[in-house]
N, C-alpha and C. Protein backbone atom coordinates (compact mmCIF):
# COMPACT_ATOMS: atom_id res chain seq x y z
N MET A 1 0.84 -1.20 0.00
CA MET A 1 0.00 0.00 0.00
C MET A 1 0.88 1.25 0.00
N THR A 2 0.52 2.23 -0.82
CA THR A 2 1.31 3.44 -0.94
C THR A 2 1.22 4.28 0.33
N VAL A 3 2.38 4.70 0.82
CA VAL A 3 2.43 5.58 1.98
C VAL A 3 2.53 7.01 1.48
N ALA A 4 1.67 7.87 1.98
CA ALA A 4 1.67 9.27 1.53
C ALA A 4 1.32 10.18 2.69
N ASP A 5 1.85 11.38 2.64
CA ASP A 5 1.48 12.38 3.63
C ASP A 5 0.14 12.99 3.23
N PRO A 6 -0.80 13.08 4.16
CA PRO A 6 -2.07 13.74 3.83
C PRO A 6 -1.86 15.25 3.71
N THR A 7 -2.83 15.90 3.10
CA THR A 7 -2.82 17.36 2.99
C THR A 7 -4.21 17.88 3.32
N LEU A 8 -4.35 19.19 3.34
CA LEU A 8 -5.66 19.82 3.45
C LEU A 8 -6.07 20.43 2.11
N ASP A 9 -5.53 19.92 1.03
CA ASP A 9 -5.81 20.50 -0.29
C ASP A 9 -7.30 20.44 -0.64
N LEU A 10 -7.91 19.27 -0.49
CA LEU A 10 -9.33 19.16 -0.84
C LEU A 10 -10.18 19.94 0.15
N GLU A 11 -9.82 19.89 1.42
CA GLU A 11 -10.56 20.67 2.42
C GLU A 11 -10.53 22.16 2.07
N ARG A 12 -9.36 22.67 1.69
CA ARG A 12 -9.25 24.08 1.34
C ARG A 12 -10.01 24.40 0.06
N GLU A 13 -10.04 23.46 -0.87
CA GLU A 13 -10.82 23.65 -2.10
C GLU A 13 -12.30 23.82 -1.75
N LEU A 14 -12.80 22.99 -0.85
CA LEU A 14 -14.20 23.08 -0.47
C LEU A 14 -14.48 24.34 0.35
N LEU A 15 -13.55 24.73 1.19
CA LEU A 15 -13.70 25.97 1.96
C LEU A 15 -13.69 27.18 1.03
N ASP A 16 -12.80 27.17 0.04
CA ASP A 16 -12.74 28.27 -0.92
C ASP A 16 -14.01 28.36 -1.76
N ALA A 17 -14.67 27.19 -1.93
CA ALA A 17 -15.90 27.15 -2.73
C ALA A 17 -17.13 27.57 -1.93
N GLY A 18 -16.95 27.87 -0.64
CA GLY A 18 -18.07 28.39 0.14
C GLY A 18 -18.41 27.66 1.41
N ALA A 19 -17.79 26.52 1.66
CA ALA A 19 -18.08 25.80 2.91
C ALA A 19 -17.47 26.56 4.08
N ASP A 20 -18.17 26.55 5.21
CA ASP A 20 -17.63 27.13 6.44
C ASP A 20 -16.88 26.08 7.26
N VAL A 21 -17.28 24.83 7.10
CA VAL A 21 -16.64 23.74 7.82
C VAL A 21 -16.62 22.51 6.92
N VAL A 22 -15.54 21.76 7.00
CA VAL A 22 -15.41 20.51 6.24
C VAL A 22 -15.23 19.38 7.25
N VAL A 23 -16.02 18.33 7.09
CA VAL A 23 -15.98 17.18 8.00
C VAL A 23 -15.44 15.98 7.24
N GLY A 24 -14.29 15.46 7.68
CA GLY A 24 -13.78 14.22 7.13
C GLY A 24 -14.45 13.05 7.80
N CYS A 25 -14.77 12.01 7.02
CA CYS A 25 -15.56 10.90 7.54
C CYS A 25 -14.99 9.58 7.03
N ASP A 26 -14.80 8.62 7.94
CA ASP A 26 -14.27 7.32 7.54
C ASP A 26 -14.81 6.23 8.46
N GLU A 27 -14.93 5.02 7.93
CA GLU A 27 -15.46 3.89 8.70
C GLU A 27 -14.37 2.90 9.03
N VAL A 28 -14.64 2.08 10.05
CA VAL A 28 -13.78 0.97 10.41
C VAL A 28 -14.65 -0.19 10.88
N GLY A 29 -14.27 -1.39 10.51
CA GLY A 29 -15.04 -2.56 10.92
C GLY A 29 -16.07 -3.01 9.93
N ARG A 30 -16.07 -2.43 8.75
CA ARG A 30 -17.09 -2.80 7.76
C ARG A 30 -17.02 -4.29 7.42
N GLY A 31 -15.82 -4.82 7.29
CA GLY A 31 -15.69 -6.21 6.86
C GLY A 31 -15.48 -7.21 7.98
N ALA A 32 -15.64 -6.79 9.23
CA ALA A 32 -15.41 -7.70 10.35
C ALA A 32 -16.54 -8.72 10.49
N LEU A 33 -16.22 -9.84 11.12
CA LEU A 33 -17.23 -10.86 11.39
C LEU A 33 -17.92 -10.65 12.74
N ALA A 34 -17.30 -9.86 13.61
CA ALA A 34 -17.85 -9.64 14.95
C ALA A 34 -17.64 -8.20 15.36
N GLY A 35 -18.51 -7.73 16.24
CA GLY A 35 -18.39 -6.38 16.75
C GLY A 35 -19.08 -5.36 15.86
N PRO A 36 -19.06 -4.10 16.29
CA PRO A 36 -19.78 -3.06 15.57
C PRO A 36 -19.03 -2.55 14.37
N VAL A 37 -19.73 -1.82 13.54
CA VAL A 37 -19.10 -0.95 12.56
C VAL A 37 -19.06 0.44 13.17
N ALA A 38 -17.94 1.14 13.01
CA ALA A 38 -17.78 2.47 13.60
C ALA A 38 -17.42 3.46 12.52
N VAL A 39 -17.85 4.70 12.72
CA VAL A 39 -17.55 5.78 11.79
C VAL A 39 -17.00 6.96 12.58
N GLY A 40 -15.87 7.48 12.12
CA GLY A 40 -15.28 8.66 12.74
C GLY A 40 -15.53 9.88 11.89
N ALA A 41 -15.65 11.03 12.56
CA ALA A 41 -15.81 12.31 11.87
C ALA A 41 -14.90 13.32 12.54
N ALA A 42 -14.19 14.12 11.72
CA ALA A 42 -13.30 15.15 12.23
C ALA A 42 -13.46 16.39 11.37
N ALA A 43 -13.72 17.54 12.01
CA ALA A 43 -14.04 18.76 11.28
C ALA A 43 -12.89 19.76 11.30
N VAL A 44 -12.76 20.47 10.19
CA VAL A 44 -11.77 21.55 10.08
C VAL A 44 -12.44 22.78 9.48
N THR A 45 -11.85 23.94 9.72
CA THR A 45 -12.29 25.19 9.11
C THR A 45 -11.08 25.88 8.48
N ALA A 46 -11.32 27.05 7.94
CA ALA A 46 -10.23 27.80 7.32
C ALA A 46 -9.17 28.21 8.33
N ARG A 47 -9.53 28.22 9.61
CA ARG A 47 -8.57 28.61 10.65
C ARG A 47 -7.79 27.43 11.22
N THR A 48 -8.12 26.21 10.78
CA THR A 48 -7.43 25.03 11.31
C THR A 48 -5.98 25.01 10.84
N GLY A 49 -5.08 24.76 11.76
CA GLY A 49 -3.67 24.78 11.44
C GLY A 49 -3.15 23.44 10.96
N VAL A 50 -1.83 23.28 11.03
CA VAL A 50 -1.17 22.08 10.55
C VAL A 50 -1.55 20.89 11.44
N TRP A 51 -1.83 19.78 10.82
CA TRP A 51 -2.24 18.57 11.52
C TRP A 51 -1.07 17.98 12.31
N PRO A 52 -1.37 17.16 13.30
CA PRO A 52 -0.31 16.57 14.12
C PRO A 52 0.70 15.78 13.29
N ALA A 53 1.95 15.89 13.65
CA ALA A 53 3.02 15.20 12.93
C ALA A 53 2.81 13.70 12.96
N GLY A 54 3.06 13.08 11.81
CA GLY A 54 2.95 11.62 11.72
C GLY A 54 1.59 11.12 11.34
N LEU A 55 0.63 12.01 11.10
CA LEU A 55 -0.72 11.57 10.73
C LEU A 55 -0.68 10.85 9.39
N ARG A 56 -1.32 9.71 9.34
CA ARG A 56 -1.47 8.91 8.12
C ARG A 56 -2.83 8.23 8.19
N ASP A 57 -3.20 7.61 7.08
CA ASP A 57 -4.30 6.66 7.08
C ASP A 57 -4.04 5.67 8.21
N SER A 58 -5.05 5.39 9.00
CA SER A 58 -4.86 4.55 10.20
C SER A 58 -4.26 3.19 9.88
N LYS A 59 -4.53 2.68 8.68
CA LYS A 59 -4.02 1.35 8.32
C LYS A 59 -2.50 1.36 8.14
N MET A 60 -1.92 2.53 7.97
CA MET A 60 -0.49 2.65 7.75
C MET A 60 0.29 2.91 9.03
N LEU A 61 -0.39 2.94 10.15
CA LEU A 61 0.25 3.26 11.43
C LEU A 61 0.24 2.07 12.36
N THR A 62 1.21 2.02 13.24
CA THR A 62 1.20 1.00 14.28
C THR A 62 0.15 1.35 15.32
N ASP A 63 -0.24 0.35 16.10
CA ASP A 63 -1.21 0.58 17.15
C ASP A 63 -0.71 1.64 18.14
N ARG A 64 0.56 1.57 18.48
CA ARG A 64 1.14 2.54 19.42
C ARG A 64 1.08 3.95 18.85
N ARG A 65 1.39 4.10 17.57
CA ARG A 65 1.37 5.43 16.96
C ARG A 65 -0.05 5.98 16.85
N ARG A 66 -1.00 5.11 16.53
CA ARG A 66 -2.40 5.57 16.47
C ARG A 66 -2.84 6.10 17.83
N HIS A 67 -2.54 5.36 18.89
CA HIS A 67 -2.93 5.80 20.22
C HIS A 67 -2.26 7.12 20.59
N ALA A 68 -1.02 7.30 20.19
CA ALA A 68 -0.30 8.54 20.50
C ALA A 68 -0.91 9.74 19.78
N LEU A 69 -1.58 9.50 18.67
CA LEU A 69 -2.16 10.59 17.89
C LEU A 69 -3.54 11.02 18.39
N VAL A 70 -4.20 10.21 19.20
CA VAL A 70 -5.59 10.49 19.56
C VAL A 70 -5.73 11.85 20.23
N ALA A 71 -5.00 12.11 21.29
CA ALA A 71 -5.14 13.39 22.00
C ALA A 71 -4.78 14.58 21.12
N PRO A 72 -3.66 14.54 20.37
CA PRO A 72 -3.37 15.66 19.47
C PRO A 72 -4.45 15.89 18.41
N LEU A 73 -5.03 14.81 17.89
CA LEU A 73 -6.07 14.96 16.87
C LEU A 73 -7.35 15.56 17.44
N ARG A 74 -7.71 15.14 18.64
CA ARG A 74 -8.89 15.72 19.29
C ARG A 74 -8.71 17.20 19.53
N ALA A 75 -7.49 17.61 19.85
CA ALA A 75 -7.22 19.03 20.07
C ALA A 75 -7.15 19.80 18.76
N TRP A 76 -6.69 19.14 17.71
CA TRP A 76 -6.51 19.80 16.41
C TRP A 76 -7.84 20.08 15.71
N ALA A 77 -8.73 19.10 15.70
CA ALA A 77 -10.01 19.26 14.99
C ALA A 77 -10.91 20.26 15.73
N VAL A 78 -11.74 20.98 14.98
CA VAL A 78 -12.69 21.89 15.63
C VAL A 78 -13.87 21.11 16.22
N GLY A 79 -14.00 19.87 15.84
CA GLY A 79 -14.99 18.97 16.40
C GLY A 79 -14.72 17.56 15.92
N TRP A 80 -15.05 16.57 16.74
CA TRP A 80 -14.84 15.18 16.34
C TRP A 80 -15.87 14.30 17.06
N ARG A 81 -16.10 13.12 16.48
CA ARG A 81 -17.01 12.16 17.10
C ARG A 81 -16.80 10.78 16.47
N VAL A 82 -16.98 9.75 17.26
CA VAL A 82 -17.02 8.38 16.75
C VAL A 82 -18.38 7.80 17.13
N ALA A 83 -19.06 7.20 16.17
CA ALA A 83 -20.36 6.58 16.42
C ALA A 83 -20.33 5.16 15.88
N ALA A 84 -21.16 4.30 16.42
CA ALA A 84 -21.13 2.88 16.03
C ALA A 84 -22.52 2.28 16.01
N VAL A 85 -22.64 1.19 15.26
CA VAL A 85 -23.86 0.40 15.21
C VAL A 85 -23.47 -1.06 15.46
N ASP A 86 -24.23 -1.76 16.30
CA ASP A 86 -23.82 -3.08 16.74
C ASP A 86 -24.17 -4.19 15.74
N SER A 87 -23.66 -5.38 16.04
CA SER A 87 -23.78 -6.51 15.12
C SER A 87 -25.23 -6.95 14.93
N ALA A 88 -26.05 -6.85 15.97
CA ALA A 88 -27.45 -7.28 15.83
C ALA A 88 -28.18 -6.41 14.81
N ARG A 89 -27.90 -5.12 14.85
CA ARG A 89 -28.56 -4.23 13.88
C ARG A 89 -27.99 -4.45 12.47
N ILE A 90 -26.69 -4.76 12.39
CA ILE A 90 -26.11 -5.07 11.08
C ILE A 90 -26.81 -6.28 10.48
N ASP A 91 -27.05 -7.31 11.29
CA ASP A 91 -27.78 -8.49 10.80
C ASP A 91 -29.19 -8.13 10.35
N ALA A 92 -29.83 -7.23 11.09
CA ALA A 92 -31.23 -6.92 10.81
C ALA A 92 -31.41 -5.99 9.62
N GLU A 93 -30.49 -5.03 9.47
CA GLU A 93 -30.70 -3.96 8.48
C GLU A 93 -29.71 -3.96 7.33
N GLY A 94 -28.60 -4.68 7.47
CA GLY A 94 -27.59 -4.68 6.42
C GLY A 94 -26.50 -3.66 6.70
N ILE A 95 -25.34 -3.90 6.13
CA ILE A 95 -24.17 -3.09 6.46
C ILE A 95 -24.28 -1.65 5.95
N VAL A 96 -24.82 -1.44 4.76
CA VAL A 96 -24.86 -0.08 4.22
C VAL A 96 -25.77 0.80 5.05
N ALA A 97 -26.95 0.30 5.43
CA ALA A 97 -27.86 1.08 6.26
C ALA A 97 -27.20 1.41 7.60
N CYS A 98 -26.43 0.48 8.12
CA CYS A 98 -25.79 0.70 9.42
C CYS A 98 -24.60 1.64 9.30
N LEU A 99 -23.85 1.56 8.22
CA LEU A 99 -22.82 2.55 7.96
C LEU A 99 -23.42 3.95 7.92
N ARG A 100 -24.54 4.06 7.20
CA ARG A 100 -25.21 5.36 7.09
C ARG A 100 -25.66 5.86 8.46
N ALA A 101 -26.25 4.99 9.24
CA ALA A 101 -26.74 5.41 10.57
C ALA A 101 -25.59 5.87 11.45
N ALA A 102 -24.49 5.13 11.46
CA ALA A 102 -23.34 5.53 12.27
C ALA A 102 -22.73 6.84 11.77
N ALA A 103 -22.64 6.99 10.46
CA ALA A 103 -22.06 8.21 9.90
C ALA A 103 -22.93 9.43 10.18
N VAL A 104 -24.23 9.27 10.07
CA VAL A 104 -25.14 10.37 10.38
C VAL A 104 -24.98 10.78 11.84
N ASP A 105 -24.90 9.80 12.73
CA ASP A 105 -24.70 10.08 14.16
C ASP A 105 -23.39 10.83 14.37
N ALA A 106 -22.31 10.36 13.72
CA ALA A 106 -21.01 11.00 13.88
C ALA A 106 -21.01 12.42 13.34
N VAL A 107 -21.50 12.59 12.13
CA VAL A 107 -21.46 13.91 11.49
C VAL A 107 -22.37 14.90 12.21
N THR A 108 -23.60 14.49 12.53
CA THR A 108 -24.51 15.41 13.21
C THR A 108 -24.03 15.71 14.62
N GLY A 109 -23.33 14.76 15.23
CA GLY A 109 -22.76 15.02 16.55
C GLY A 109 -21.71 16.12 16.49
N VAL A 110 -20.90 16.10 15.44
CA VAL A 110 -19.92 17.17 15.24
C VAL A 110 -20.62 18.50 14.95
N LEU A 111 -21.62 18.45 14.10
CA LEU A 111 -22.30 19.69 13.69
C LEU A 111 -23.11 20.31 14.81
N ALA A 112 -23.48 19.52 15.81
CA ALA A 112 -24.28 20.04 16.92
C ALA A 112 -23.55 21.16 17.66
N GLY A 113 -22.23 21.14 17.60
CA GLY A 113 -21.46 22.18 18.27
C GLY A 113 -21.18 23.39 17.41
N LEU A 114 -21.74 23.41 16.20
CA LEU A 114 -21.50 24.51 15.27
C LEU A 114 -22.78 25.29 15.01
N SER A 115 -22.63 26.46 14.47
CA SER A 115 -23.79 27.28 14.14
C SER A 115 -24.69 26.59 13.13
N ARG A 116 -26.00 26.73 13.31
CA ARG A 116 -26.95 26.17 12.36
C ARG A 116 -26.82 26.79 10.98
N ASP A 117 -26.23 27.97 10.92
CA ASP A 117 -26.07 28.65 9.64
C ASP A 117 -24.81 28.23 8.91
N ALA A 118 -23.97 27.43 9.54
CA ALA A 118 -22.71 27.02 8.92
C ALA A 118 -22.98 26.18 7.67
N ARG A 119 -22.27 26.51 6.61
CA ARG A 119 -22.34 25.72 5.39
C ARG A 119 -21.33 24.58 5.50
N VAL A 120 -21.81 23.37 5.27
CA VAL A 120 -21.03 22.17 5.61
C VAL A 120 -20.75 21.34 4.37
N ALA A 121 -19.51 20.87 4.27
CA ALA A 121 -19.14 19.87 3.27
C ALA A 121 -18.54 18.68 4.00
N VAL A 122 -18.88 17.49 3.54
CA VAL A 122 -18.35 16.25 4.12
C VAL A 122 -17.51 15.55 3.07
N ILE A 123 -16.31 15.14 3.45
CA ILE A 123 -15.49 14.30 2.58
C ILE A 123 -15.66 12.87 3.06
N LEU A 124 -16.16 12.02 2.18
CA LEU A 124 -16.45 10.63 2.51
C LEU A 124 -15.46 9.73 1.78
N ASP A 125 -14.72 8.95 2.54
CA ASP A 125 -13.76 8.03 1.92
C ASP A 125 -14.49 6.94 1.14
N GLY A 126 -14.00 6.64 -0.07
CA GLY A 126 -14.59 5.56 -0.84
C GLY A 126 -14.97 6.01 -2.24
N THR A 127 -15.85 5.24 -2.86
CA THR A 127 -16.27 5.53 -4.24
C THR A 127 -17.79 5.66 -4.37
N ALA A 128 -18.53 5.49 -3.29
CA ALA A 128 -19.99 5.56 -3.34
C ALA A 128 -20.51 6.48 -2.24
N ASP A 129 -21.51 7.26 -2.56
CA ASP A 129 -22.13 8.16 -1.58
C ASP A 129 -23.31 7.44 -0.91
N TRP A 130 -23.02 6.79 0.22
CA TRP A 130 -24.07 6.13 0.99
C TRP A 130 -24.54 7.01 2.15
N LEU A 131 -24.05 8.26 2.21
CA LEU A 131 -24.33 9.12 3.35
C LEU A 131 -25.40 10.17 3.10
N SER A 132 -25.44 10.75 1.90
CA SER A 132 -26.33 11.89 1.64
C SER A 132 -27.79 11.58 1.98
N GLU A 133 -28.24 10.38 1.67
CA GLU A 133 -29.63 10.00 1.96
C GLU A 133 -29.95 10.14 3.44
N GLY A 134 -29.00 9.80 4.29
CA GLY A 134 -29.24 9.88 5.72
C GLY A 134 -29.20 11.29 6.27
N LEU A 135 -28.51 12.18 5.57
CA LEU A 135 -28.38 13.56 6.04
C LEU A 135 -29.49 14.46 5.52
N ALA A 136 -30.31 13.95 4.63
CA ALA A 136 -31.39 14.76 4.06
C ALA A 136 -32.29 15.27 5.17
N GLY A 137 -32.50 16.59 5.18
CA GLY A 137 -33.36 17.20 6.18
C GLY A 137 -32.62 17.67 7.40
N GLU A 138 -31.37 17.23 7.59
CA GLU A 138 -30.61 17.68 8.76
C GLU A 138 -30.21 19.15 8.62
N ARG A 139 -29.61 19.47 7.54
CA ARG A 139 -29.22 20.83 7.16
C ARG A 139 -28.63 20.72 5.77
N ASP A 140 -28.24 21.83 5.18
CA ASP A 140 -27.69 21.82 3.83
C ASP A 140 -26.25 21.33 3.89
N VAL A 141 -26.05 20.05 3.60
CA VAL A 141 -24.74 19.43 3.65
C VAL A 141 -24.40 18.86 2.28
N MET A 142 -23.22 19.22 1.78
CA MET A 142 -22.74 18.68 0.52
C MET A 142 -21.73 17.57 0.80
N VAL A 143 -21.92 16.40 0.19
CA VAL A 143 -21.02 15.27 0.39
C VAL A 143 -20.13 15.10 -0.84
N ARG A 144 -18.84 15.08 -0.61
CA ARG A 144 -17.86 14.82 -1.67
C ARG A 144 -17.22 13.46 -1.42
N VAL A 145 -17.39 12.55 -2.37
CA VAL A 145 -16.80 11.22 -2.25
C VAL A 145 -15.41 11.24 -2.88
N ARG A 146 -14.44 10.67 -2.19
CA ARG A 146 -13.07 10.66 -2.71
C ARG A 146 -12.40 9.32 -2.36
N ALA A 147 -12.01 8.59 -3.39
CA ALA A 147 -11.26 7.36 -3.17
C ALA A 147 -9.92 7.70 -2.53
N LYS A 148 -9.50 6.89 -1.57
CA LYS A 148 -8.24 7.07 -0.85
C LYS A 148 -8.20 8.37 -0.06
N ALA A 149 -9.37 8.88 0.31
CA ALA A 149 -9.39 10.11 1.10
C ALA A 149 -8.74 9.90 2.46
N ASP A 150 -8.81 8.67 2.98
CA ASP A 150 -8.15 8.42 4.27
C ASP A 150 -6.64 8.51 4.16
N ARG A 151 -6.12 8.37 2.98
CA ARG A 151 -4.68 8.53 2.73
C ARG A 151 -4.32 9.98 2.41
N ASP A 152 -5.19 10.65 1.63
CA ASP A 152 -4.82 11.94 1.04
C ASP A 152 -5.34 13.16 1.78
N CYS A 153 -6.41 13.04 2.54
CA CYS A 153 -7.05 14.20 3.17
C CYS A 153 -6.86 14.13 4.69
N ALA A 154 -6.28 15.18 5.24
CA ALA A 154 -5.93 15.16 6.67
C ALA A 154 -7.15 14.97 7.56
N SER A 155 -8.28 15.59 7.21
CA SER A 155 -9.47 15.44 8.05
C SER A 155 -9.98 14.01 8.06
N VAL A 156 -9.91 13.33 6.92
CA VAL A 156 -10.38 11.95 6.83
C VAL A 156 -9.38 11.01 7.51
N ALA A 157 -8.09 11.28 7.33
CA ALA A 157 -7.09 10.48 8.04
C ALA A 157 -7.29 10.59 9.54
N ALA A 158 -7.58 11.79 10.03
CA ALA A 158 -7.86 11.98 11.46
C ALA A 158 -9.07 11.16 11.89
N ALA A 159 -10.13 11.21 11.10
CA ALA A 159 -11.33 10.44 11.41
C ALA A 159 -11.03 8.95 11.43
N SER A 160 -10.19 8.49 10.51
CA SER A 160 -9.87 7.07 10.45
C SER A 160 -9.10 6.62 11.68
N VAL A 161 -8.18 7.44 12.15
CA VAL A 161 -7.41 7.09 13.34
C VAL A 161 -8.31 7.07 14.57
N LEU A 162 -9.14 8.08 14.74
CA LEU A 162 -10.01 8.15 15.91
C LEU A 162 -10.98 6.97 15.94
N ALA A 163 -11.53 6.62 14.79
CA ALA A 163 -12.48 5.51 14.73
C ALA A 163 -11.80 4.17 14.97
N LYS A 164 -10.62 3.99 14.40
CA LYS A 164 -9.94 2.70 14.55
C LYS A 164 -9.49 2.47 15.99
N VAL A 165 -8.95 3.49 16.62
CA VAL A 165 -8.52 3.33 18.01
C VAL A 165 -9.73 3.01 18.89
N TRP A 166 -10.83 3.72 18.68
CA TRP A 166 -12.03 3.47 19.48
C TRP A 166 -12.50 2.03 19.30
N ARG A 167 -12.61 1.56 18.07
CA ARG A 167 -13.13 0.21 17.84
C ARG A 167 -12.13 -0.86 18.27
N ASP A 168 -10.86 -0.66 17.97
CA ASP A 168 -9.85 -1.65 18.38
C ASP A 168 -9.85 -1.82 19.89
N ASP A 169 -9.89 -0.72 20.62
CA ASP A 169 -9.90 -0.80 22.08
C ASP A 169 -11.17 -1.51 22.59
N LEU A 170 -12.29 -1.24 21.94
CA LEU A 170 -13.53 -1.92 22.32
C LEU A 170 -13.40 -3.43 22.12
N MET A 171 -12.84 -3.85 20.99
CA MET A 171 -12.72 -5.28 20.71
C MET A 171 -11.78 -5.97 21.70
N VAL A 172 -10.75 -5.26 22.15
CA VAL A 172 -9.87 -5.82 23.18
C VAL A 172 -10.65 -6.02 24.47
N GLU A 173 -11.49 -5.05 24.83
CA GLU A 173 -12.32 -5.19 26.03
C GLU A 173 -13.32 -6.35 25.88
N LEU A 174 -13.93 -6.46 24.72
CA LEU A 174 -14.92 -7.51 24.50
C LEU A 174 -14.28 -8.89 24.49
N ALA A 175 -13.01 -8.96 24.14
CA ALA A 175 -12.31 -10.25 24.13
C ALA A 175 -12.24 -10.86 25.53
N VAL A 176 -12.24 -10.03 26.55
CA VAL A 176 -12.20 -10.53 27.93
C VAL A 176 -13.51 -11.24 28.27
N ALA A 177 -14.61 -10.65 27.83
CA ALA A 177 -15.93 -11.24 28.12
C ALA A 177 -16.26 -12.40 27.19
N HIS A 178 -15.60 -12.46 26.03
CA HIS A 178 -15.86 -13.51 25.04
C HIS A 178 -14.52 -14.10 24.61
N PRO A 179 -13.88 -14.86 25.50
CA PRO A 179 -12.54 -15.38 25.19
C PRO A 179 -12.58 -16.50 24.15
N GLY A 180 -11.42 -16.70 23.54
CA GLY A 180 -11.26 -17.82 22.62
C GLY A 180 -11.28 -17.45 21.16
N TYR A 181 -11.83 -16.27 20.82
CA TYR A 181 -11.92 -15.86 19.42
C TYR A 181 -10.73 -15.03 18.96
N GLY A 182 -9.89 -14.61 19.90
CA GLY A 182 -8.71 -13.85 19.52
C GLY A 182 -8.97 -12.41 19.12
N TRP A 183 -10.08 -11.85 19.61
CA TRP A 183 -10.40 -10.48 19.20
C TRP A 183 -9.34 -9.47 19.63
N GLU A 184 -8.59 -9.80 20.69
CA GLU A 184 -7.53 -8.89 21.12
C GLU A 184 -6.44 -8.77 20.06
N HIS A 185 -6.42 -9.72 19.13
CA HIS A 185 -5.44 -9.69 18.04
C HIS A 185 -6.08 -9.39 16.69
N ASN A 186 -7.20 -10.06 16.39
CA ASN A 186 -7.80 -9.91 15.05
C ASN A 186 -8.88 -8.83 14.98
N ARG A 187 -9.26 -8.28 16.15
CA ARG A 187 -10.25 -7.19 16.23
C ARG A 187 -11.59 -7.55 15.60
N GLY A 188 -11.88 -8.84 15.54
CA GLY A 188 -13.17 -9.27 15.00
C GLY A 188 -13.16 -9.58 13.52
N TYR A 189 -12.03 -9.38 12.85
CA TYR A 189 -11.95 -9.68 11.43
C TYR A 189 -11.75 -11.19 11.22
N GLY A 190 -11.94 -11.62 9.99
CA GLY A 190 -11.99 -13.05 9.69
C GLY A 190 -10.66 -13.71 9.48
N SER A 191 -9.78 -13.66 10.44
CA SER A 191 -8.51 -14.37 10.35
C SER A 191 -8.76 -15.87 10.43
N ALA A 192 -7.74 -16.66 10.06
CA ALA A 192 -7.87 -18.11 10.13
C ALA A 192 -8.13 -18.56 11.56
N GLN A 193 -7.45 -17.92 12.53
CA GLN A 193 -7.64 -18.25 13.93
C GLN A 193 -9.08 -17.97 14.36
N HIS A 194 -9.60 -16.85 13.93
CA HIS A 194 -10.96 -16.46 14.31
C HIS A 194 -11.98 -17.44 13.72
N ARG A 195 -11.83 -17.76 12.45
CA ARG A 195 -12.78 -18.68 11.81
C ARG A 195 -12.72 -20.07 12.44
N ALA A 196 -11.52 -20.50 12.80
CA ALA A 196 -11.39 -21.80 13.46
C ALA A 196 -12.07 -21.79 14.82
N ALA A 197 -11.97 -20.65 15.53
CA ALA A 197 -12.61 -20.55 16.84
C ALA A 197 -14.13 -20.56 16.72
N ILE A 198 -14.66 -19.95 15.68
CA ILE A 198 -16.11 -19.97 15.47
C ILE A 198 -16.58 -21.40 15.22
N THR A 199 -15.80 -22.15 14.44
CA THR A 199 -16.14 -23.56 14.18
C THR A 199 -16.10 -24.36 15.47
N ARG A 200 -15.11 -24.08 16.33
CA ARG A 200 -14.92 -24.84 17.56
C ARG A 200 -15.92 -24.45 18.65
N LEU A 201 -16.14 -23.15 18.82
CA LEU A 201 -16.94 -22.63 19.93
C LEU A 201 -18.36 -22.26 19.54
N GLY A 202 -18.58 -22.10 18.25
CA GLY A 202 -19.84 -21.54 17.81
C GLY A 202 -19.78 -20.02 17.87
N PRO A 203 -20.72 -19.33 17.23
CA PRO A 203 -20.70 -17.86 17.25
C PRO A 203 -21.10 -17.30 18.61
N SER A 204 -20.53 -16.17 18.93
CA SER A 204 -20.89 -15.45 20.16
C SER A 204 -22.09 -14.54 19.87
N PRO A 205 -22.68 -13.95 20.91
CA PRO A 205 -23.78 -13.00 20.68
C PRO A 205 -23.35 -11.76 19.90
N LEU A 206 -22.04 -11.52 19.78
CA LEU A 206 -21.55 -10.33 19.10
C LEU A 206 -21.12 -10.60 17.67
N HIS A 207 -21.27 -11.84 17.21
CA HIS A 207 -20.97 -12.13 15.80
C HIS A 207 -22.11 -11.69 14.90
N ARG A 208 -21.76 -11.33 13.70
CA ARG A 208 -22.74 -10.99 12.67
C ARG A 208 -23.19 -12.32 12.05
N ARG A 209 -24.30 -12.84 12.52
CA ARG A 209 -24.72 -14.19 12.15
C ARG A 209 -24.92 -14.34 10.63
N THR A 210 -25.42 -13.29 10.01
CA THR A 210 -25.68 -13.37 8.56
C THR A 210 -24.39 -13.39 7.75
N TRP A 211 -23.26 -13.10 8.38
CA TRP A 211 -21.98 -13.08 7.68
C TRP A 211 -21.24 -14.40 7.79
N LEU A 212 -21.78 -15.34 8.52
CA LEU A 212 -21.04 -16.58 8.82
C LEU A 212 -21.41 -17.73 7.90
N HIS A 213 -22.24 -17.48 6.90
CA HIS A 213 -22.70 -18.56 6.02
C HIS A 213 -22.15 -18.35 4.62
């Protein structure tokens, strides 16, 4: 995977085009077999300064480095939030609906601390806009989809780090209550060890049952 320094180039483009605040948005846990899907949101404005040193897409950082960035990122962003939807709801409603619900919670949580008159743009990592439908009626929000935004855009990289640390730490805690699946190592993703444990122990209440067939 290509390692690159993020910038605020796209954020500044959107601010120059009339946005008062830009919210970077990224998910973690979409492909996991157990645990929630989480979405992070981190907001910047024209007054936001240089991002914390060492910021990258969360997948390019060690666990120790991600944790070290959390406090600086929370101080750097003008607002941030991580929201999640659990495995039972993922089974009931499907992953896209749950991604949307978590993202709406994260983004609106950030916007709650801002003026209702603020013009908002959201940068969504990926290639599909699954968010705009959920934000309809909240306020006038423009969503810009950008592939590799978690690599290239500082606000999205920040959101990815905050969301990954939150979810990874949760999975380590849940591993204590549900031992044997190796969540402290695999974070609920489908490693060979995890799949073997499901075969041996059966699924836990936190597994996405519809994903196991």
